[in-house]
């Protein structure tokens, strides 16, 4: 079905219509600090994506009802630090979880730094925010308490 435009539109039938939609990402700040106006602060763009990725990685599997695969489940790796430890397993799990549950980010790099002597794992994720092409870095540190 062809669309008909009026003469005032300037002969749009010969010119392709190109439009772009800018998507802005907004989340509430999970610190729930009050602004002077009484409202709570909001996180936008890269900060919102950074907060969402950190929450996703720190959530354990089976912690979210009705979605057992949601979450990074990185605590599982803390109890295998004394055994043969494979950093590629953590990198793969982090990349898969972010790709499956956070459509606003594309994973560029996952760096894992295990510290078996201190019973901790440091994970640094570098992502690109889809709408703004901004690079975001998320640092997560997990420590086992004795």
Protein backbone atom coordinates (compact mmCIF):
# COMPACT_ATOMS: atom_id res chain seq x y z
CA UNK A 1 0.00 0.00 0.00
CA UNK A 2 1.53 3.26 -1.12
CA UNK A 3 1.27 6.31 1.07
CA UNK A 4 0.29 9.57 -0.42
CA UNK A 5 1.77 12.81 0.83
CA UNK A 6 0.56 16.31 0.21
CA UNK A 7 2.40 18.81 -1.98
CA UNK A 8 3.34 20.81 1.14
CA UNK A 9 5.45 17.87 2.36
CA UNK A 10 7.93 18.59 -0.40
CA UNK A 11 7.70 15.54 -2.65
CA UNK A 12 8.42 12.96 0.05
CA UNK A 13 7.63 10.08 -2.27
CA UNK A 14 11.11 10.35 -3.82
CA UNK A 15 13.02 10.89 -0.56
CA UNK A 16 13.37 8.02 1.90
CA UNK A 17 12.14 8.75 5.39
CA UNK A 18 14.79 8.03 7.97
CA UNK A 19 14.06 8.35 11.61
CA UNK A 20 15.98 7.39 14.67
CA UNK A 21 14.72 6.80 18.13
CA UNK A 22 16.92 7.69 21.01
CA UNK A 23 16.50 5.38 23.96
CA UNK A 24 17.54 6.60 27.37
CA UNK A 25 18.07 4.17 30.21
CA UNK A 26 16.84 5.16 33.66
CA UNK A 27 16.77 3.24 36.93
CA UNK A 28 16.26 4.24 40.51
CA UNK A 29 19.32 4.54 42.70
CA UNK A 30 19.36 1.54 45.03
CA UNK A 31 20.91 3.55 47.86
CA UNK A 32 17.48 5.22 48.22
CA UNK A 33 18.98 8.52 49.33
CA UNK A 34 16.56 11.44 49.38
CA UNK A 35 17.03 14.44 47.17
CA UNK A 36 16.31 17.85 48.70
CA UNK A 37 12.98 17.82 46.85
CA UNK A 38 11.98 14.65 48.73
CA UNK A 39 12.23 12.36 45.70
CA UNK A 40 14.91 9.68 45.35
CA UNK A 41 17.87 9.92 43.02
CA UNK A 42 17.83 8.28 39.59
CA UNK A 43 20.63 6.69 37.62
CA UNK A 44 20.75 7.22 33.89
CA UNK A 45 22.56 5.73 30.90
CA UNK A 46 25.90 4.15 31.86
CA UNK A 47 25.33 4.39 35.61
CA UNK A 48 22.01 2.55 35.31
CA UNK A 49 23.59 -0.23 33.26
CA UNK A 50 26.54 -0.48 35.67
CA UNK A 51 24.17 -0.85 38.64
CA UNK A 52 22.09 -3.50 36.83
CA UNK A 53 25.15 -5.57 35.91
CA UNK A 54 26.50 -5.43 39.45
CA UNK A 55 23.14 -6.59 40.85
CA UNK A 56 22.97 -9.34 38.27
CA UNK A 57 26.43 -10.66 39.09
CA UNK A 58 25.94 -10.52 42.87
CA UNK A 59 22.61 -12.38 42.73
CA UNK A 60 22.91 -16.10 43.36
CA UNK A 61 21.15 -18.64 41.22
CA UNK A 62 17.75 -19.81 42.54
CA UNK A 63 17.48 -16.52 44.46
CA UNK A 64 14.90 -15.00 42.14
CA UNK A 65 11.55 -16.81 42.25
CA UNK A 66 10.41 -18.55 39.07
CA UNK A 67 13.70 -17.92 37.25
CA UNK A 68 16.37 -20.30 38.59
CA UNK A 69 19.01 -19.29 36.02
CA UNK A 70 18.88 -15.57 36.88
CA UNK A 71 22.04 -14.34 38.55
CA UNK A 72 25.76 -14.75 38.23
CA UNK A 73 26.14 -17.38 40.93
CA UNK A 74 29.75 -16.36 41.49
CA UNK A 75 29.66 -17.53 45.11
CA UNK A 76 29.84 -21.11 43.81
CA UNK A 77 33.43 -20.48 42.74
CA UNK A 78 34.55 -19.29 46.17
CA UNK A 79 34.41 -22.80 47.59
CA UNK A 80 36.59 -24.27 44.85
CA UNK A 81 39.53 -21.90 45.21
CA UNK A 82 41.71 -24.53 46.87
CA UNK A 83 41.12 -26.98 44.04
CA UNK A 84 42.04 -26.58 40.42
CA UNK A 85 40.55 -23.22 39.52
CA UNK A 86 39.58 -22.25 35.99
CA UNK A 87 39.19 -18.55 35.26
CA UNK A 88 37.60 -19.31 31.89
CA UNK A 89 34.55 -20.80 33.66
CA UNK A 90 33.92 -17.51 35.45
CA UNK A 91 34.50 -15.48 32.30
CA UNK A 92 32.05 -17.65 30.37
CA UNK A 93 29.40 -17.55 33.08
CA UNK A 94 29.64 -13.76 33.45
CA UNK A 95 29.43 -13.22 29.68
CA UNK A 96 26.45 -15.58 29.31
CA UNK A 97 24.51 -14.05 32.19
CA UNK A 98 25.00 -10.49 30.95
CA UNK A 99 24.12 -11.42 27.37
CA UNK A 100 20.97 -13.25 28.49
CA UNK A 101 19.64 -10.87 31.13
CA UNK A 102 21.00 -7.40 30.36
CA UNK A 103 20.10 -6.35 26.80
CA UNK A 104 21.37 -2.80 27.38
CA UNK A 105 25.03 -3.91 27.43
CA UNK A 106 27.47 -5.75 25.19
CA UNK A 107 30.35 -7.49 26.95
CA UNK A 108 33.76 -6.47 25.69
CA UNK A 109 36.12 -7.93 28.29
CA UNK A 110 35.91 -9.99 31.48
CA UNK A 111 38.98 -10.05 33.70
CA UNK A 112 39.14 -12.48 36.64
CA UNK A 113 41.68 -12.17 39.46
CA UNK A 114 41.48 -15.05 41.95
CA UNK A 115 43.19 -14.72 45.33
CA UNK A 116 43.09 -18.20 46.88
CA UNK A 117 45.24 -17.10 49.83
CA UNK A 118 42.66 -14.47 50.78
CA UNK A 119 39.61 -16.55 49.76
CA UNK A 120 38.44 -13.93 47.28
CA UNK A 121 37.76 -13.38 43.61
CA UNK A 122 37.91 -10.05 41.81
CA UNK A 123 35.92 -9.73 38.58
CA UNK A 124 36.18 -6.71 36.29
CA UNK A 125 33.70 -6.48 33.42
CA UNK A 126 34.04 -3.95 30.62
CA UNK A 127 30.83 -3.42 28.65
CA UNK A 128 29.54 -1.10 26.00
CA UNK A 129 26.16 0.58 26.55
CA UNK A 130 24.07 -0.18 23.49
CA UNK A 131 22.35 3.17 22.95
CA UNK A 132 25.20 5.55 23.77
CA UNK A 133 28.28 3.48 22.84
CA UNK A 134 29.70 4.44 26.26
CA UNK A 135 32.24 2.10 27.85
CA UNK A 136 31.29 0.98 31.37
CA UNK A 137 33.51 -0.85 33.81
CA UNK A 138 32.03 -2.88 36.68
CA UNK A 139 34.21 -4.17 39.51
CA UNK A 140 32.86 -6.97 41.71
CA UNK A 141 34.79 -8.46 44.61
CA UNK A 142 33.65 -11.63 46.34
CA UNK A 143 35.13 -12.78 49.61
CA UNK A 144 34.45 -15.88 51.63
CA UNK A 145 34.10 -15.26 55.35
CA UNK A 146 35.44 -17.93 57.68
